[in-house]
PDB file of N, CA and C in Angstrom:
ATOM      1  N   UNK A   1       4.979 -12.339  -7.937  1.00  0.00           N
ATOM      2  CA  UNK A   1       3.598 -12.118  -7.561  1.00  0.00           C
ATOM      3  C   UNK A   1       3.324 -10.622  -7.550  1.00  0.00           C
ATOM      4  N   UNK A   2       2.108 -10.237  -7.864  1.00  0.00           N
ATOM      5  CA  UNK A   2       1.721  -8.833  -7.782  1.00  0.00           C
ATOM      6  C   UNK A   2       0.255  -8.752  -7.394  1.00  0.00           C
ATOM      7  N   UNK A   3      -0.187  -7.582  -6.979  1.00  0.00           N
ATOM      8  CA  UNK A   3      -1.549  -7.407  -6.513  1.00  0.00           C
ATOM      9  C   UNK A   3      -2.016  -5.993  -6.812  1.00  0.00           C
ATOM     10  N   UNK A   4      -3.307  -5.811  -6.740  1.00  0.00           N
ATOM     11  CA  UNK A   4      -3.880  -4.469  -6.734  1.00  0.00           C
ATOM     12  C   UNK A   4      -4.932  -4.447  -5.645  1.00  0.00           C
ATOM     13  N   UNK A   5      -5.167  -3.253  -5.098  1.00  0.00           N
ATOM     14  CA  UNK A   5      -6.135  -3.163  -4.002  1.00  0.00           C
ATOM     15  C   UNK A   5      -6.765  -1.782  -3.962  1.00  0.00           C
ATOM     16  N   UNK A   6      -7.899  -1.729  -3.310  1.00  0.00           N
ATOM     17  CA  UNK A   6      -8.571  -0.479  -2.967  1.00  0.00           C
ATOM     18  C   UNK A   6      -8.526  -0.400  -1.449  1.00  0.00           C
ATOM     19  N   UNK A   7      -8.058   0.726  -0.936  1.00  0.00           N
ATOM     20  CA  UNK A   7      -7.873   0.889   0.501  1.00  0.00           C
ATOM     21  C   UNK A   7      -8.764   2.005   1.027  1.00  0.00           C
ATOM     22  N   UNK A   8      -9.367   1.757   2.178  1.00  0.00           N
ATOM     23  CA  UNK A   8     -10.151   2.770   2.876  1.00  0.00           C
ATOM     24  C   UNK A   8      -9.574   2.865   4.276  1.00  0.00           C
ATOM     25  N   UNK A   9      -9.281   4.087   4.705  1.00  0.00           N
ATOM     26  CA  UNK A   9      -8.617   4.225   5.996  1.00  0.00           C
ATOM     27  C   UNK A   9      -9.112   5.395   6.821  1.00  0.00           C
ATOM     28  N   UNK A  10      -8.596   5.446   8.043  1.00  0.00           N
ATOM     29  CA  UNK A  10      -8.924   6.502   8.989  1.00  0.00           C
ATOM     30  C   UNK A  10      -7.648   6.893   9.722  1.00  0.00           C
ATOM     31  N   UNK A  11      -7.454   8.182   9.928  1.00  0.00           N
ATOM     32  CA  UNK A  11      -6.288   8.687  10.648  1.00  0.00           C
ATOM     33  C   UNK A  11      -6.736   9.496  11.843  1.00  0.00           C
ATOM     34  N   UNK A  12      -6.078   9.279  12.959  1.00  0.00           N
ATOM     35  CA  UNK A  12      -6.368  10.007  14.198  1.00  0.00           C
ATOM     36  C   UNK A  12      -5.085  10.679  14.675  1.00  0.00           C
ATOM     37  N   UNK A  13      -5.122  12.003  14.836  1.00  0.00           N
ATOM     38  CA  UNK A  13      -3.973  12.745  15.352  1.00  0.00           C
ATOM     39  C   UNK A  13      -3.866  12.499  16.858  1.00  0.00           C
ATOM     40  N   UNK A  14      -2.698  12.051  17.284  1.00  0.00           N
ATOM     41  CA  UNK A  14      -2.460  11.829  18.716  1.00  0.00           C
ATOM     42  C   UNK A  14      -1.989  13.111  19.406  1.00  0.00           C
ATOM     43  N   UNK A  15      -1.142  13.856  18.711  1.00  0.00           N
ATOM     44  CA  UNK A  15      -0.689  15.176  19.161  1.00  0.00           C
ATOM     45  C   UNK A  15      -0.194  15.922  17.924  1.00  0.00           C
ATOM     46  N   UNK A  16       0.552  17.017  18.106  1.00  0.00           N
ATOM     47  CA  UNK A  16       1.005  17.809  16.961  1.00  0.00           C
ATOM     48  C   UNK A  16       1.915  17.028  16.024  1.00  0.00           C
ATOM     49  N   UNK A  17       2.704  16.102  16.556  1.00  0.00           N
ATOM     50  CA  UNK A  17       3.703  15.419  15.743  1.00  0.00           C
ATOM     51  C   UNK A  17       3.346  13.996  15.331  1.00  0.00           C
ATOM     52  N   UNK A  18       2.500  13.308  16.061  1.00  0.00           N
ATOM     53  CA  UNK A  18       2.229  11.903  15.767  1.00  0.00           C
ATOM     54  C   UNK A  18       0.763  11.663  15.437  1.00  0.00           C
ATOM     55  N   UNK A  19       0.542  10.767  14.468  1.00  0.00           N
ATOM     56  CA  UNK A  19      -0.807  10.329  14.153  1.00  0.00           C
ATOM     57  C   UNK A  19      -0.782   8.817  13.929  1.00  0.00           C
ATOM     58  N   UNK A  20      -1.908   8.191  14.168  1.00  0.00           N
ATOM     59  CA  UNK A  20      -2.072   6.755  14.028  1.00  0.00           C
ATOM     60  C   UNK A  20      -3.143   6.507  12.979  1.00  0.00           C
ATOM     61  N   UNK A  21      -2.877   5.597  12.037  1.00  0.00           N
ATOM     62  CA  UNK A  21      -3.805   5.320  10.940  1.00  0.00           C
ATOM     63  C   UNK A  21      -4.092   3.834  10.852  1.00  0.00           C
ATOM     64  N   UNK A  22      -5.271   3.517  10.361  1.00  0.00           N
ATOM     65  CA  UNK A  22      -5.639   2.143  10.081  1.00  0.00           C
ATOM     66  C   UNK A  22      -6.350   2.091   8.743  1.00  0.00           C
ATOM     67  N   UNK A  23      -6.242   0.958   8.041  1.00  0.00           N
ATOM     68  CA  UNK A  23      -6.936   0.839   6.773  1.00  0.00           C
ATOM     69  C   UNK A  23      -7.402  -0.592   6.545  1.00  0.00           C
ATOM     70  N   UNK A  24      -8.406  -0.709   5.669  1.00  0.00           N
ATOM     71  CA  UNK A  24      -8.914  -1.996   5.213  1.00  0.00           C
ATOM     72  C   UNK A  24      -8.646  -2.059   3.720  1.00  0.00           C
ATOM     73  N   UNK A  25      -8.079  -3.176   3.251  1.00  0.00           N
ATOM     74  CA  UNK A  25      -7.721  -3.357   1.839  1.00  0.00           C
ATOM     75  C   UNK A  25      -8.547  -4.497   1.249  1.00  0.00           C
ATOM     76  N   UNK A  26      -9.083  -4.253   0.061  1.00  0.00           N
ATOM     77  CA  UNK A  26      -9.809  -5.279  -0.682  1.00  0.00           C
ATOM     78  C   UNK A  26      -9.158  -5.350  -2.061  1.00  0.00           C
ATOM     79  N   UNK A  27      -8.730  -6.552  -2.481  1.00  0.00           N
ATOM     80  CA  UNK A  27      -8.049  -6.638  -3.764  1.00  0.00           C
ATOM     81  C   UNK A  27      -7.841  -8.054  -4.241  1.00  0.00           C
ATOM     82  N   UNK A  28      -6.977  -8.173  -5.243  1.00  0.00           N
ATOM     83  CA  UNK A  28      -6.631  -9.458  -5.833  1.00  0.00           C
ATOM     84  C   UNK A  28      -5.130  -9.603  -5.897  1.00  0.00           C
ATOM     85  N   UNK A  29      -4.664 -10.811  -5.630  1.00  0.00           N
ATOM     86  CA  UNK A  29      -3.254 -11.133  -5.775  1.00  0.00           C
ATOM     87  C   UNK A  29      -3.127 -12.133  -6.914  1.00  0.00           C
ATOM     88  N   UNK A  30      -2.166 -11.873  -7.801  1.00  0.00           N
ATOM     89  CA  UNK A  30      -1.945 -12.737  -8.959  1.00  0.00           C
ATOM     90  C   UNK A  30      -0.559 -13.365  -8.835  1.00  0.00           C
ATOM     91  N   UNK A  31      -0.523 -14.668  -9.014  1.00  0.00           N
ATOM     92  CA  UNK A  31       0.722 -15.415  -8.945  1.00  0.00           C
ATOM     93  C   UNK A  31       1.123 -15.787 -10.375  1.00  0.00           C
ATOM     94  N   UNK A  32       2.376 -15.551 -10.730  1.00  0.00           N
ATOM     95  CA  UNK A  32       2.810 -15.843 -12.097  1.00  0.00           C
ATOM     96  C   UNK A  32       4.140 -16.594 -12.094  1.00  0.00           C
ATOM     97  N   UNK A  33       4.438 -17.172 -13.238  1.00  0.00           N
ATOM     98  CA  UNK A  33       5.681 -17.908 -13.436  1.00  0.00           C
ATOM     99  C   UNK A  33       6.318 -17.418 -14.724  1.00  0.00           C
ATOM    100  N   UNK A  34       7.614 -17.142 -14.703  1.00  0.00           N
ATOM    101  CA  UNK A  34       8.349 -16.765 -15.913  1.00  0.00           C
ATOM    102  C   UNK A  34       8.732 -18.029 -16.669  1.00  0.00           C
ATOM    103  N   UNK A  35       8.489 -18.019 -17.961  1.00  0.00           N
ATOM    104  CA  UNK A  35       8.801 -19.174 -18.805  1.00  0.00           C
ATOM    105  C   UNK A  35       9.718 -18.747 -19.941  1.00  0.00           C
ATOM    106  N   UNK A  36      10.662 -19.592 -20.291  1.00  0.00           N
ATOM    107  CA  UNK A  36      11.564 -19.331 -21.419  1.00  0.00           C
ATOM    108  C   UNK A  36      11.046 -20.055 -22.657  1.00  0.00           C
ATOM    109  N   UNK A  37      11.109 -19.356 -23.785  1.00  0.00           N
ATOM    110  CA  UNK A  37      10.670 -19.955 -25.041  1.00  0.00           C
ATOM    111  C   UNK A  37      11.381 -19.222 -26.177  1.00  0.00           C
ATOM    112  N   UNK A  38      12.178 -19.940 -26.974  1.00  0.00           N
ATOM    113  CA  UNK A  38      12.932 -19.328 -28.063  1.00  0.00           C
ATOM    114  C   UNK A  38      12.056 -18.884 -29.225  1.00  0.00           C
ATOM    115  N   UNK A  39      10.774 -19.268 -29.241  1.00  0.00           N
ATOM    116  CA  UNK A  39       9.864 -18.847 -30.304  1.00  0.00           C
ATOM    117  C   UNK A  39       9.415 -17.394 -30.146  1.00  0.00           C
ATOM    118  N   UNK A  40       9.670 -16.797 -28.981  1.00  0.00           N
ATOM    119  CA  UNK A  40       9.300 -15.409 -28.737  1.00  0.00           C
ATOM    120  C   UNK A  40      10.523 -14.525 -28.908  1.00  0.00           C
ATOM    121  N   UNK A  41      10.315 -13.337 -29.480  1.00  0.00           N
ATOM    122  CA  UNK A  41      11.438 -12.425 -29.724  1.00  0.00           C
ATOM    123  C   UNK A  41      12.083 -11.960 -28.424  1.00  0.00           C
ATOM    124  N   UNK A  42      11.326 -11.890 -27.338  1.00  0.00           N
ATOM    125  CA  UNK A  42      11.868 -11.466 -26.050  1.00  0.00           C
ATOM    126  C   UNK A  42      12.507 -12.621 -25.283  1.00  0.00           C
ATOM    127  N   UNK A  43      12.378 -13.837 -25.794  1.00  0.00           N
ATOM    128  CA  UNK A  43      13.007 -14.981 -25.145  1.00  0.00           C
ATOM    129  C   UNK A  43      12.136 -15.671 -24.118  1.00  0.00           C
ATOM    130  N   UNK A  44      10.910 -15.199 -23.908  1.00  0.00           N
ATOM    131  CA  UNK A  44      10.029 -15.852 -22.953  1.00  0.00           C
ATOM    132  C   UNK A  44       8.804 -15.018 -22.656  1.00  0.00           C
ATOM    133  N   UNK A  45       8.063 -15.446 -21.679  1.00  0.00           N
ATOM    134  CA  UNK A  45       6.824 -14.775 -21.282  1.00  0.00           C
ATOM    135  C   UNK A  45       6.501 -15.197 -19.855  1.00  0.00           C
ATOM    136  N   UNK A  46       5.464 -14.587 -19.291  1.00  0.00           N
ATOM    137  CA  UNK A  46       5.023 -15.035 -17.971  1.00  0.00           C
ATOM    138  C   UNK A  46       3.581 -15.520 -18.049  1.00  0.00           C
ATOM    139  N   UNK A  47       3.272 -16.457 -17.186  1.00  0.00           N
ATOM    140  CA  UNK A  47       1.970 -17.118 -17.169  1.00  0.00           C
ATOM    141  C   UNK A  47       1.367 -16.954 -15.782  1.00  0.00           C
ATOM    142  N   UNK A  48       0.144 -16.385 -15.700  1.00  0.00           N
ATOM    143  CA  UNK A  48      -0.566 -16.253 -14.424  1.00  0.00           C
ATOM    144  C   UNK A  48      -1.257 -17.573 -14.144  1.00  0.00           C
ATOM    145  N   UNK A  49      -0.827 -18.259 -13.096  1.00  0.00           N
ATOM    146  CA  UNK A  49      -1.375 -19.578 -12.801  1.00  0.00           C
ATOM    147  C   UNK A  49      -2.367 -19.582 -11.650  1.00  0.00           C
ATOM    148  N   UNK A  50      -2.520 -18.454 -10.946  1.00  0.00           N
ATOM    149  CA  UNK A  50      -3.465 -18.421  -9.832  1.00  0.00           C
ATOM    150  C   UNK A  50      -3.847 -16.981  -9.527  1.00  0.00           C
ATOM    151  N   UNK A  51      -5.124 -16.740  -9.302  1.00  0.00           N
ATOM    152  CA  UNK A  51      -5.630 -15.434  -8.881  1.00  0.00           C
ATOM    153  C   UNK A  51      -6.437 -15.635  -7.614  1.00  0.00           C
ATOM    154  N   UNK A  52      -6.180 -14.794  -6.622  1.00  0.00           N
ATOM    155  CA  UNK A  52      -6.816 -14.967  -5.324  1.00  0.00           C
ATOM    156  C   UNK A  52      -7.344 -13.624  -4.825  1.00  0.00           C
ATOM    157  N   UNK A  53      -8.633 -13.556  -4.488  1.00  0.00           N
ATOM    158  CA  UNK A  53      -9.199 -12.353  -3.886  1.00  0.00           C
ATOM    159  C   UNK A  53      -8.838 -12.334  -2.411  1.00  0.00           C
ATOM    160  N   UNK A  54      -8.540 -11.139  -1.901  1.00  0.00           N
ATOM    161  CA  UNK A  54      -8.108 -11.014  -0.515  1.00  0.00           C
ATOM    162  C   UNK A  54      -8.720  -9.792   0.146  1.00  0.00           C
ATOM    163  N   UNK A  55      -8.873  -9.889   1.447  1.00  0.00           N
ATOM    164  CA  UNK A  55      -9.234  -8.759   2.289  1.00  0.00           C
ATOM    165  C   UNK A  55      -8.170  -8.682   3.372  1.00  0.00           C
ATOM    166  N   UNK A  56      -7.652  -7.511   3.599  1.00  0.00           N
ATOM    167  CA  UNK A  56      -6.596  -7.349   4.593  1.00  0.00           C
ATOM    168  C   UNK A  56      -6.746  -6.041   5.330  1.00  0.00           C
ATOM    169  N   UNK A  57      -5.792  -5.748   6.167  1.00  0.00           N
ATOM    170  CA  UNK A  57      -5.822  -4.511   6.926  1.00  0.00           C
ATOM    171  C   UNK A  57      -4.431  -4.132   7.371  1.00  0.00           C
ATOM    172  N   UNK A  58      -4.312  -2.913   7.864  1.00  0.00           N
ATOM    173  CA  UNK A  58      -3.010  -2.455   8.302  1.00  0.00           C
ATOM    174  C   UNK A  58      -3.098  -1.307   9.285  1.00  0.00           C
ATOM    175  N   UNK A  59      -1.957  -0.995   9.877  1.00  0.00           N
ATOM    176  CA  UNK A  59      -1.838   0.116  10.825  1.00  0.00           C
ATOM    177  C   UNK A  59      -0.530   0.845  10.552  1.00  0.00           C
ATOM    178  N   UNK A  60      -0.533   2.158  10.734  1.00  0.00           N
ATOM    179  CA  UNK A  60       0.622   2.994  10.427  1.00  0.00           C
ATOM    180  C   UNK A  60       0.781   4.073  11.484  1.00  0.00           C
ATOM    181  N   UNK A  61       2.021   4.451  11.735  1.00  0.00           N
ATOM    182  CA  UNK A  61       2.344   5.574  12.602  1.00  0.00           C
ATOM    183  C   UNK A  61       3.025   6.617  11.729  1.00  0.00           C
ATOM    184  N   UNK A  62       2.584   7.858  11.853  1.00  0.00           N
ATOM    185  CA  UNK A  62       3.159   8.950  11.060  1.00  0.00           C
ATOM    186  C   UNK A  62       3.767   9.983  11.985  1.00  0.00           C
ATOM    187  N   UNK A  63       4.987  10.417  11.665  1.00  0.00           N
ATOM    188  CA  UNK A  63       5.605  11.548  12.350  1.00  0.00           C
ATOM    189  C   UNK A  63       5.431  12.752  11.440  1.00  0.00           C
ATOM    190  N   UNK A  64       4.697  13.749  11.912  1.00  0.00           N
ATOM    191  CA  UNK A  64       4.391  14.956  11.136  1.00  0.00           C
ATOM    192  C   UNK A  64       5.398  16.048  11.465  1.00  0.00           C
ATOM    193  N   UNK A  65       6.201  16.451  10.468  1.00  0.00           N
ATOM    194  CA  UNK A  65       7.154  17.536  10.667  1.00  0.00           C
ATOM    195  C   UNK A  65       6.440  18.880  10.716  1.00  0.00           C
ATOM    196  N   UNK A  66       5.390  19.020   9.911  1.00  0.00           N
ATOM    197  CA  UNK A  66       4.560  20.223   9.894  1.00  0.00           C
ATOM    198  C   UNK A  66       3.201  19.835   9.307  1.00  0.00           C
ATOM    199  N   UNK A  67       2.377  20.788   8.953  1.00  0.00           N
ATOM    200  CA  UNK A  67       1.034  20.476   8.439  1.00  0.00           C
ATOM    201  C   UNK A  67       1.065  19.931   7.009  1.00  0.00           C
ATOM    202  N   UNK A  68       2.204  20.034   6.321  1.00  0.00           N
ATOM    203  CA  UNK A  68       2.292  19.615   4.924  1.00  0.00           C
ATOM    204  C   UNK A  68       3.091  18.336   4.675  1.00  0.00           C
ATOM    205  N   UNK A  69       3.909  17.891   5.630  1.00  0.00           N
ATOM    206  CA  UNK A  69       4.828  16.780   5.365  1.00  0.00           C
ATOM    207  C   UNK A  69       4.978  15.874   6.584  1.00  0.00           C
ATOM    208  N   UNK A  70       5.017  14.563   6.317  1.00  0.00           N
ATOM    209  CA  UNK A  70       5.245  13.586   7.381  1.00  0.00           C
ATOM    210  C   UNK A  70       5.882  12.320   6.834  1.00  0.00           C
ATOM    211  N   UNK A  71       6.491  11.537   7.711  1.00  0.00           N
ATOM    212  CA  UNK A  71       7.052  10.234   7.367  1.00  0.00           C
ATOM    213  C   UNK A  71       6.257   9.170   8.098  1.00  0.00           C
ATOM    214  N   UNK A  72       5.944   8.060   7.421  1.00  0.00           N
ATOM    215  CA  UNK A  72       5.136   7.016   8.050  1.00  0.00           C
ATOM    216  C   UNK A  72       5.800   5.659   7.920  1.00  0.00           C
ATOM    217  N   UNK A  73       5.438   4.757   8.828  1.00  0.00           N
ATOM    218  CA  UNK A  73       5.887   3.363   8.794  1.00  0.00           C
ATOM    219  C   UNK A  73       4.764   2.516   9.361  1.00  0.00           C
ATOM    220  N   UNK A  74       4.635   1.286   8.853  1.00  0.00           N
ATOM    221  CA  UNK A  74       3.583   0.417   9.349  1.00  0.00           C
ATOM    222  C   UNK A  74       3.589  -0.926   8.670  1.00  0.00           C
ATOM    223  N   UNK A  75       2.485  -1.630   8.809  1.00  0.00           N
ATOM    224  CA  UNK A  75       2.350  -2.974   8.263  1.00  0.00           C
ATOM    225  C   UNK A  75       0.938  -3.160   7.736  1.00  0.00           C
ATOM    226  N   UNK A  76       0.824  -3.786   6.561  1.00  0.00           N
ATOM    227  CA  UNK A  76      -0.452  -4.168   5.980  1.00  0.00           C
ATOM    228  C   UNK A  76      -0.364  -5.649   5.631  1.00  0.00           C
ATOM    229  N   UNK A  77      -1.412  -6.412   5.925  1.00  0.00           N
ATOM    230  CA  UNK A  77      -1.364  -7.853   5.710  1.00  0.00           C
ATOM    231  C   UNK A  77      -1.247  -8.244   4.237  1.00  0.00           C
ATOM    232  N   UNK A  78      -1.613  -7.360   3.310  1.00  0.00           N
ATOM    233  CA  UNK A  78      -1.459  -7.651   1.879  1.00  0.00           C
ATOM    234  C   UNK A  78      -0.096  -7.212   1.361  1.00  0.00           C
ATOM    235  N   UNK A  79       0.400  -6.083   1.828  1.00  0.00           N
ATOM    236  CA  UNK A  79       1.651  -5.514   1.310  1.00  0.00           C
ATOM    237  C   UNK A  79       2.869  -5.831   2.171  1.00  0.00           C
ATOM    238  N   UNK A  80       2.664  -6.177   3.423  1.00  0.00           N
ATOM    239  CA  UNK A  80       3.790  -6.387   4.330  1.00  0.00           C
ATOM    240  C   UNK A  80       4.210  -5.070   4.961  1.00  0.00           C
ATOM    241  N   UNK A  81       5.439  -5.002   5.411  1.00  0.00           N
ATOM    242  CA  UNK A  81       5.964  -3.776   6.019  1.00  0.00           C
ATOM    243  C   UNK A  81       6.136  -2.691   4.984  1.00  0.00           C
ATOM    244  N   UNK A  82       5.881  -1.463   5.387  1.00  0.00           N
ATOM    245  CA  UNK A  82       5.976  -0.350   4.444  1.00  0.00           C
ATOM    246  C   UNK A  82       6.400   0.917   5.174  1.00  0.00           C
ATOM    247  N   UNK A  83       7.022   1.830   4.452  1.00  0.00           N
ATOM    248  CA  UNK A  83       7.359   3.151   4.961  1.00  0.00           C
ATOM    249  C   UNK A  83       7.354   4.116   3.794  1.00  0.00           C
ATOM    250  N   UNK A  84       7.239   5.403   4.108  1.00  0.00           N
ATOM    251  CA  UNK A  84       7.212   6.376   3.027  1.00  0.00           C
ATOM    252  C   UNK A  84       7.036   7.788   3.527  1.00  0.00           C
ATOM    253  N   UNK A  85       6.840   8.693   2.589  1.00  0.00           N
ATOM    254  CA  UNK A  85       6.632  10.112   2.865  1.00  0.00           C
ATOM    255  C   UNK A  85       5.207  10.484   2.478  1.00  0.00           C
ATOM    256  N   UNK A  86       4.640  11.383   3.234  1.00  0.00           N
ATOM    257  CA  UNK A  86       3.273  11.846   2.989  1.00  0.00           C
ATOM    258  C   UNK A  86       3.310  13.353   2.760  1.00  0.00           C
ATOM    259  N   UNK A  87       2.785  13.788   1.617  1.00  0.00           N
ATOM    260  CA  UNK A  87       2.677  15.207   1.296  1.00  0.00           C
ATOM    261  C   UNK A  87       1.203  15.578   1.292  1.00  0.00           C
ATOM    262  N   UNK A  88       0.832  16.599   2.050  1.00  0.00           N
ATOM    263  CA  UNK A  88      -0.565  17.020   2.136  1.00  0.00           C
ATOM    264  C   UNK A  88      -0.706  18.381   1.456  1.00  0.00           C
ATOM    265  N   UNK A  89      -1.585  18.421   0.465  1.00  0.00           N
ATOM    266  CA  UNK A  89      -1.781  19.646  -0.312  1.00  0.00           C
ATOM    267  C   UNK A  89      -3.020  20.418   0.144  1.00  0.00           C
ATOM    268  N   UNK A  90      -3.967  19.736   0.788  1.00  0.00           N
ATOM    269  CA  UNK A  90      -5.174  20.394   1.272  1.00  0.00           C
ATOM    270  C   UNK A  90      -5.094  20.507   2.794  1.00  0.00           C
ATOM    271  N   UNK A  91      -5.503  21.635   3.302  1.00  0.00           N
ATOM    272  CA  UNK A  91      -5.475  21.824   4.747  1.00  0.00           C
ATOM    273  C   UNK A  91      -6.851  21.560   5.332  1.00  0.00           C
ATOM    274  N   UNK A  92      -6.853  21.006   6.537  1.00  0.00           N
ATOM    275  CA  UNK A  92      -8.093  20.716   7.238  1.00  0.00           C
ATOM    276  C   UNK A  92      -8.723  22.032   7.686  1.00  0.00           C
ATOM    277  N   UNK A  93     -10.033  22.132   7.515  1.00  0.00           N
ATOM    278  CA  UNK A  93     -10.745  23.344   7.906  1.00  0.00           C
ATOM    279  C   UNK A  93     -10.965  23.323   9.417  1.00  0.00           C
ATOM    280  N   UNK A  94     -10.662  24.420  10.061  1.00  0.00           N
ATOM    281  CA  UNK A  94     -10.870  24.526  11.512  1.00  0.00           C
ATOM    282  C   UNK A  94     -12.121  25.343  11.776  1.00  0.00           C
ATOM    283  N   UNK A  95     -12.943  24.864  12.709  1.00  0.00           N
ATOM    284  CA  UNK A  95     -14.183  25.575  13.039  1.00  0.00           C
ATOM    285  C   UNK A  95     -14.120  26.197  14.384  1.00  0.00           C
TER     286      UNK A  95
END
């Protein structure tokens, strides 16, 4: 199975090191089946048998090492559990 989505989110800094984020995801999930067939040079193909539109959401916690780098972990109802690294190239303007 695979999916694509468009995500819109908001992040709130809790303190210098931690931030909390939430997002809303709108997308489609496609379900497929691998089939074998000797008539194809690759030995088979896949067939999409179901497409489903979905709306989901998620929440993430980020530990910020500095203003440019952080590690995050969280859960999204479309993607499941996730973790990763965040690199920030633009700095927030302070007034």
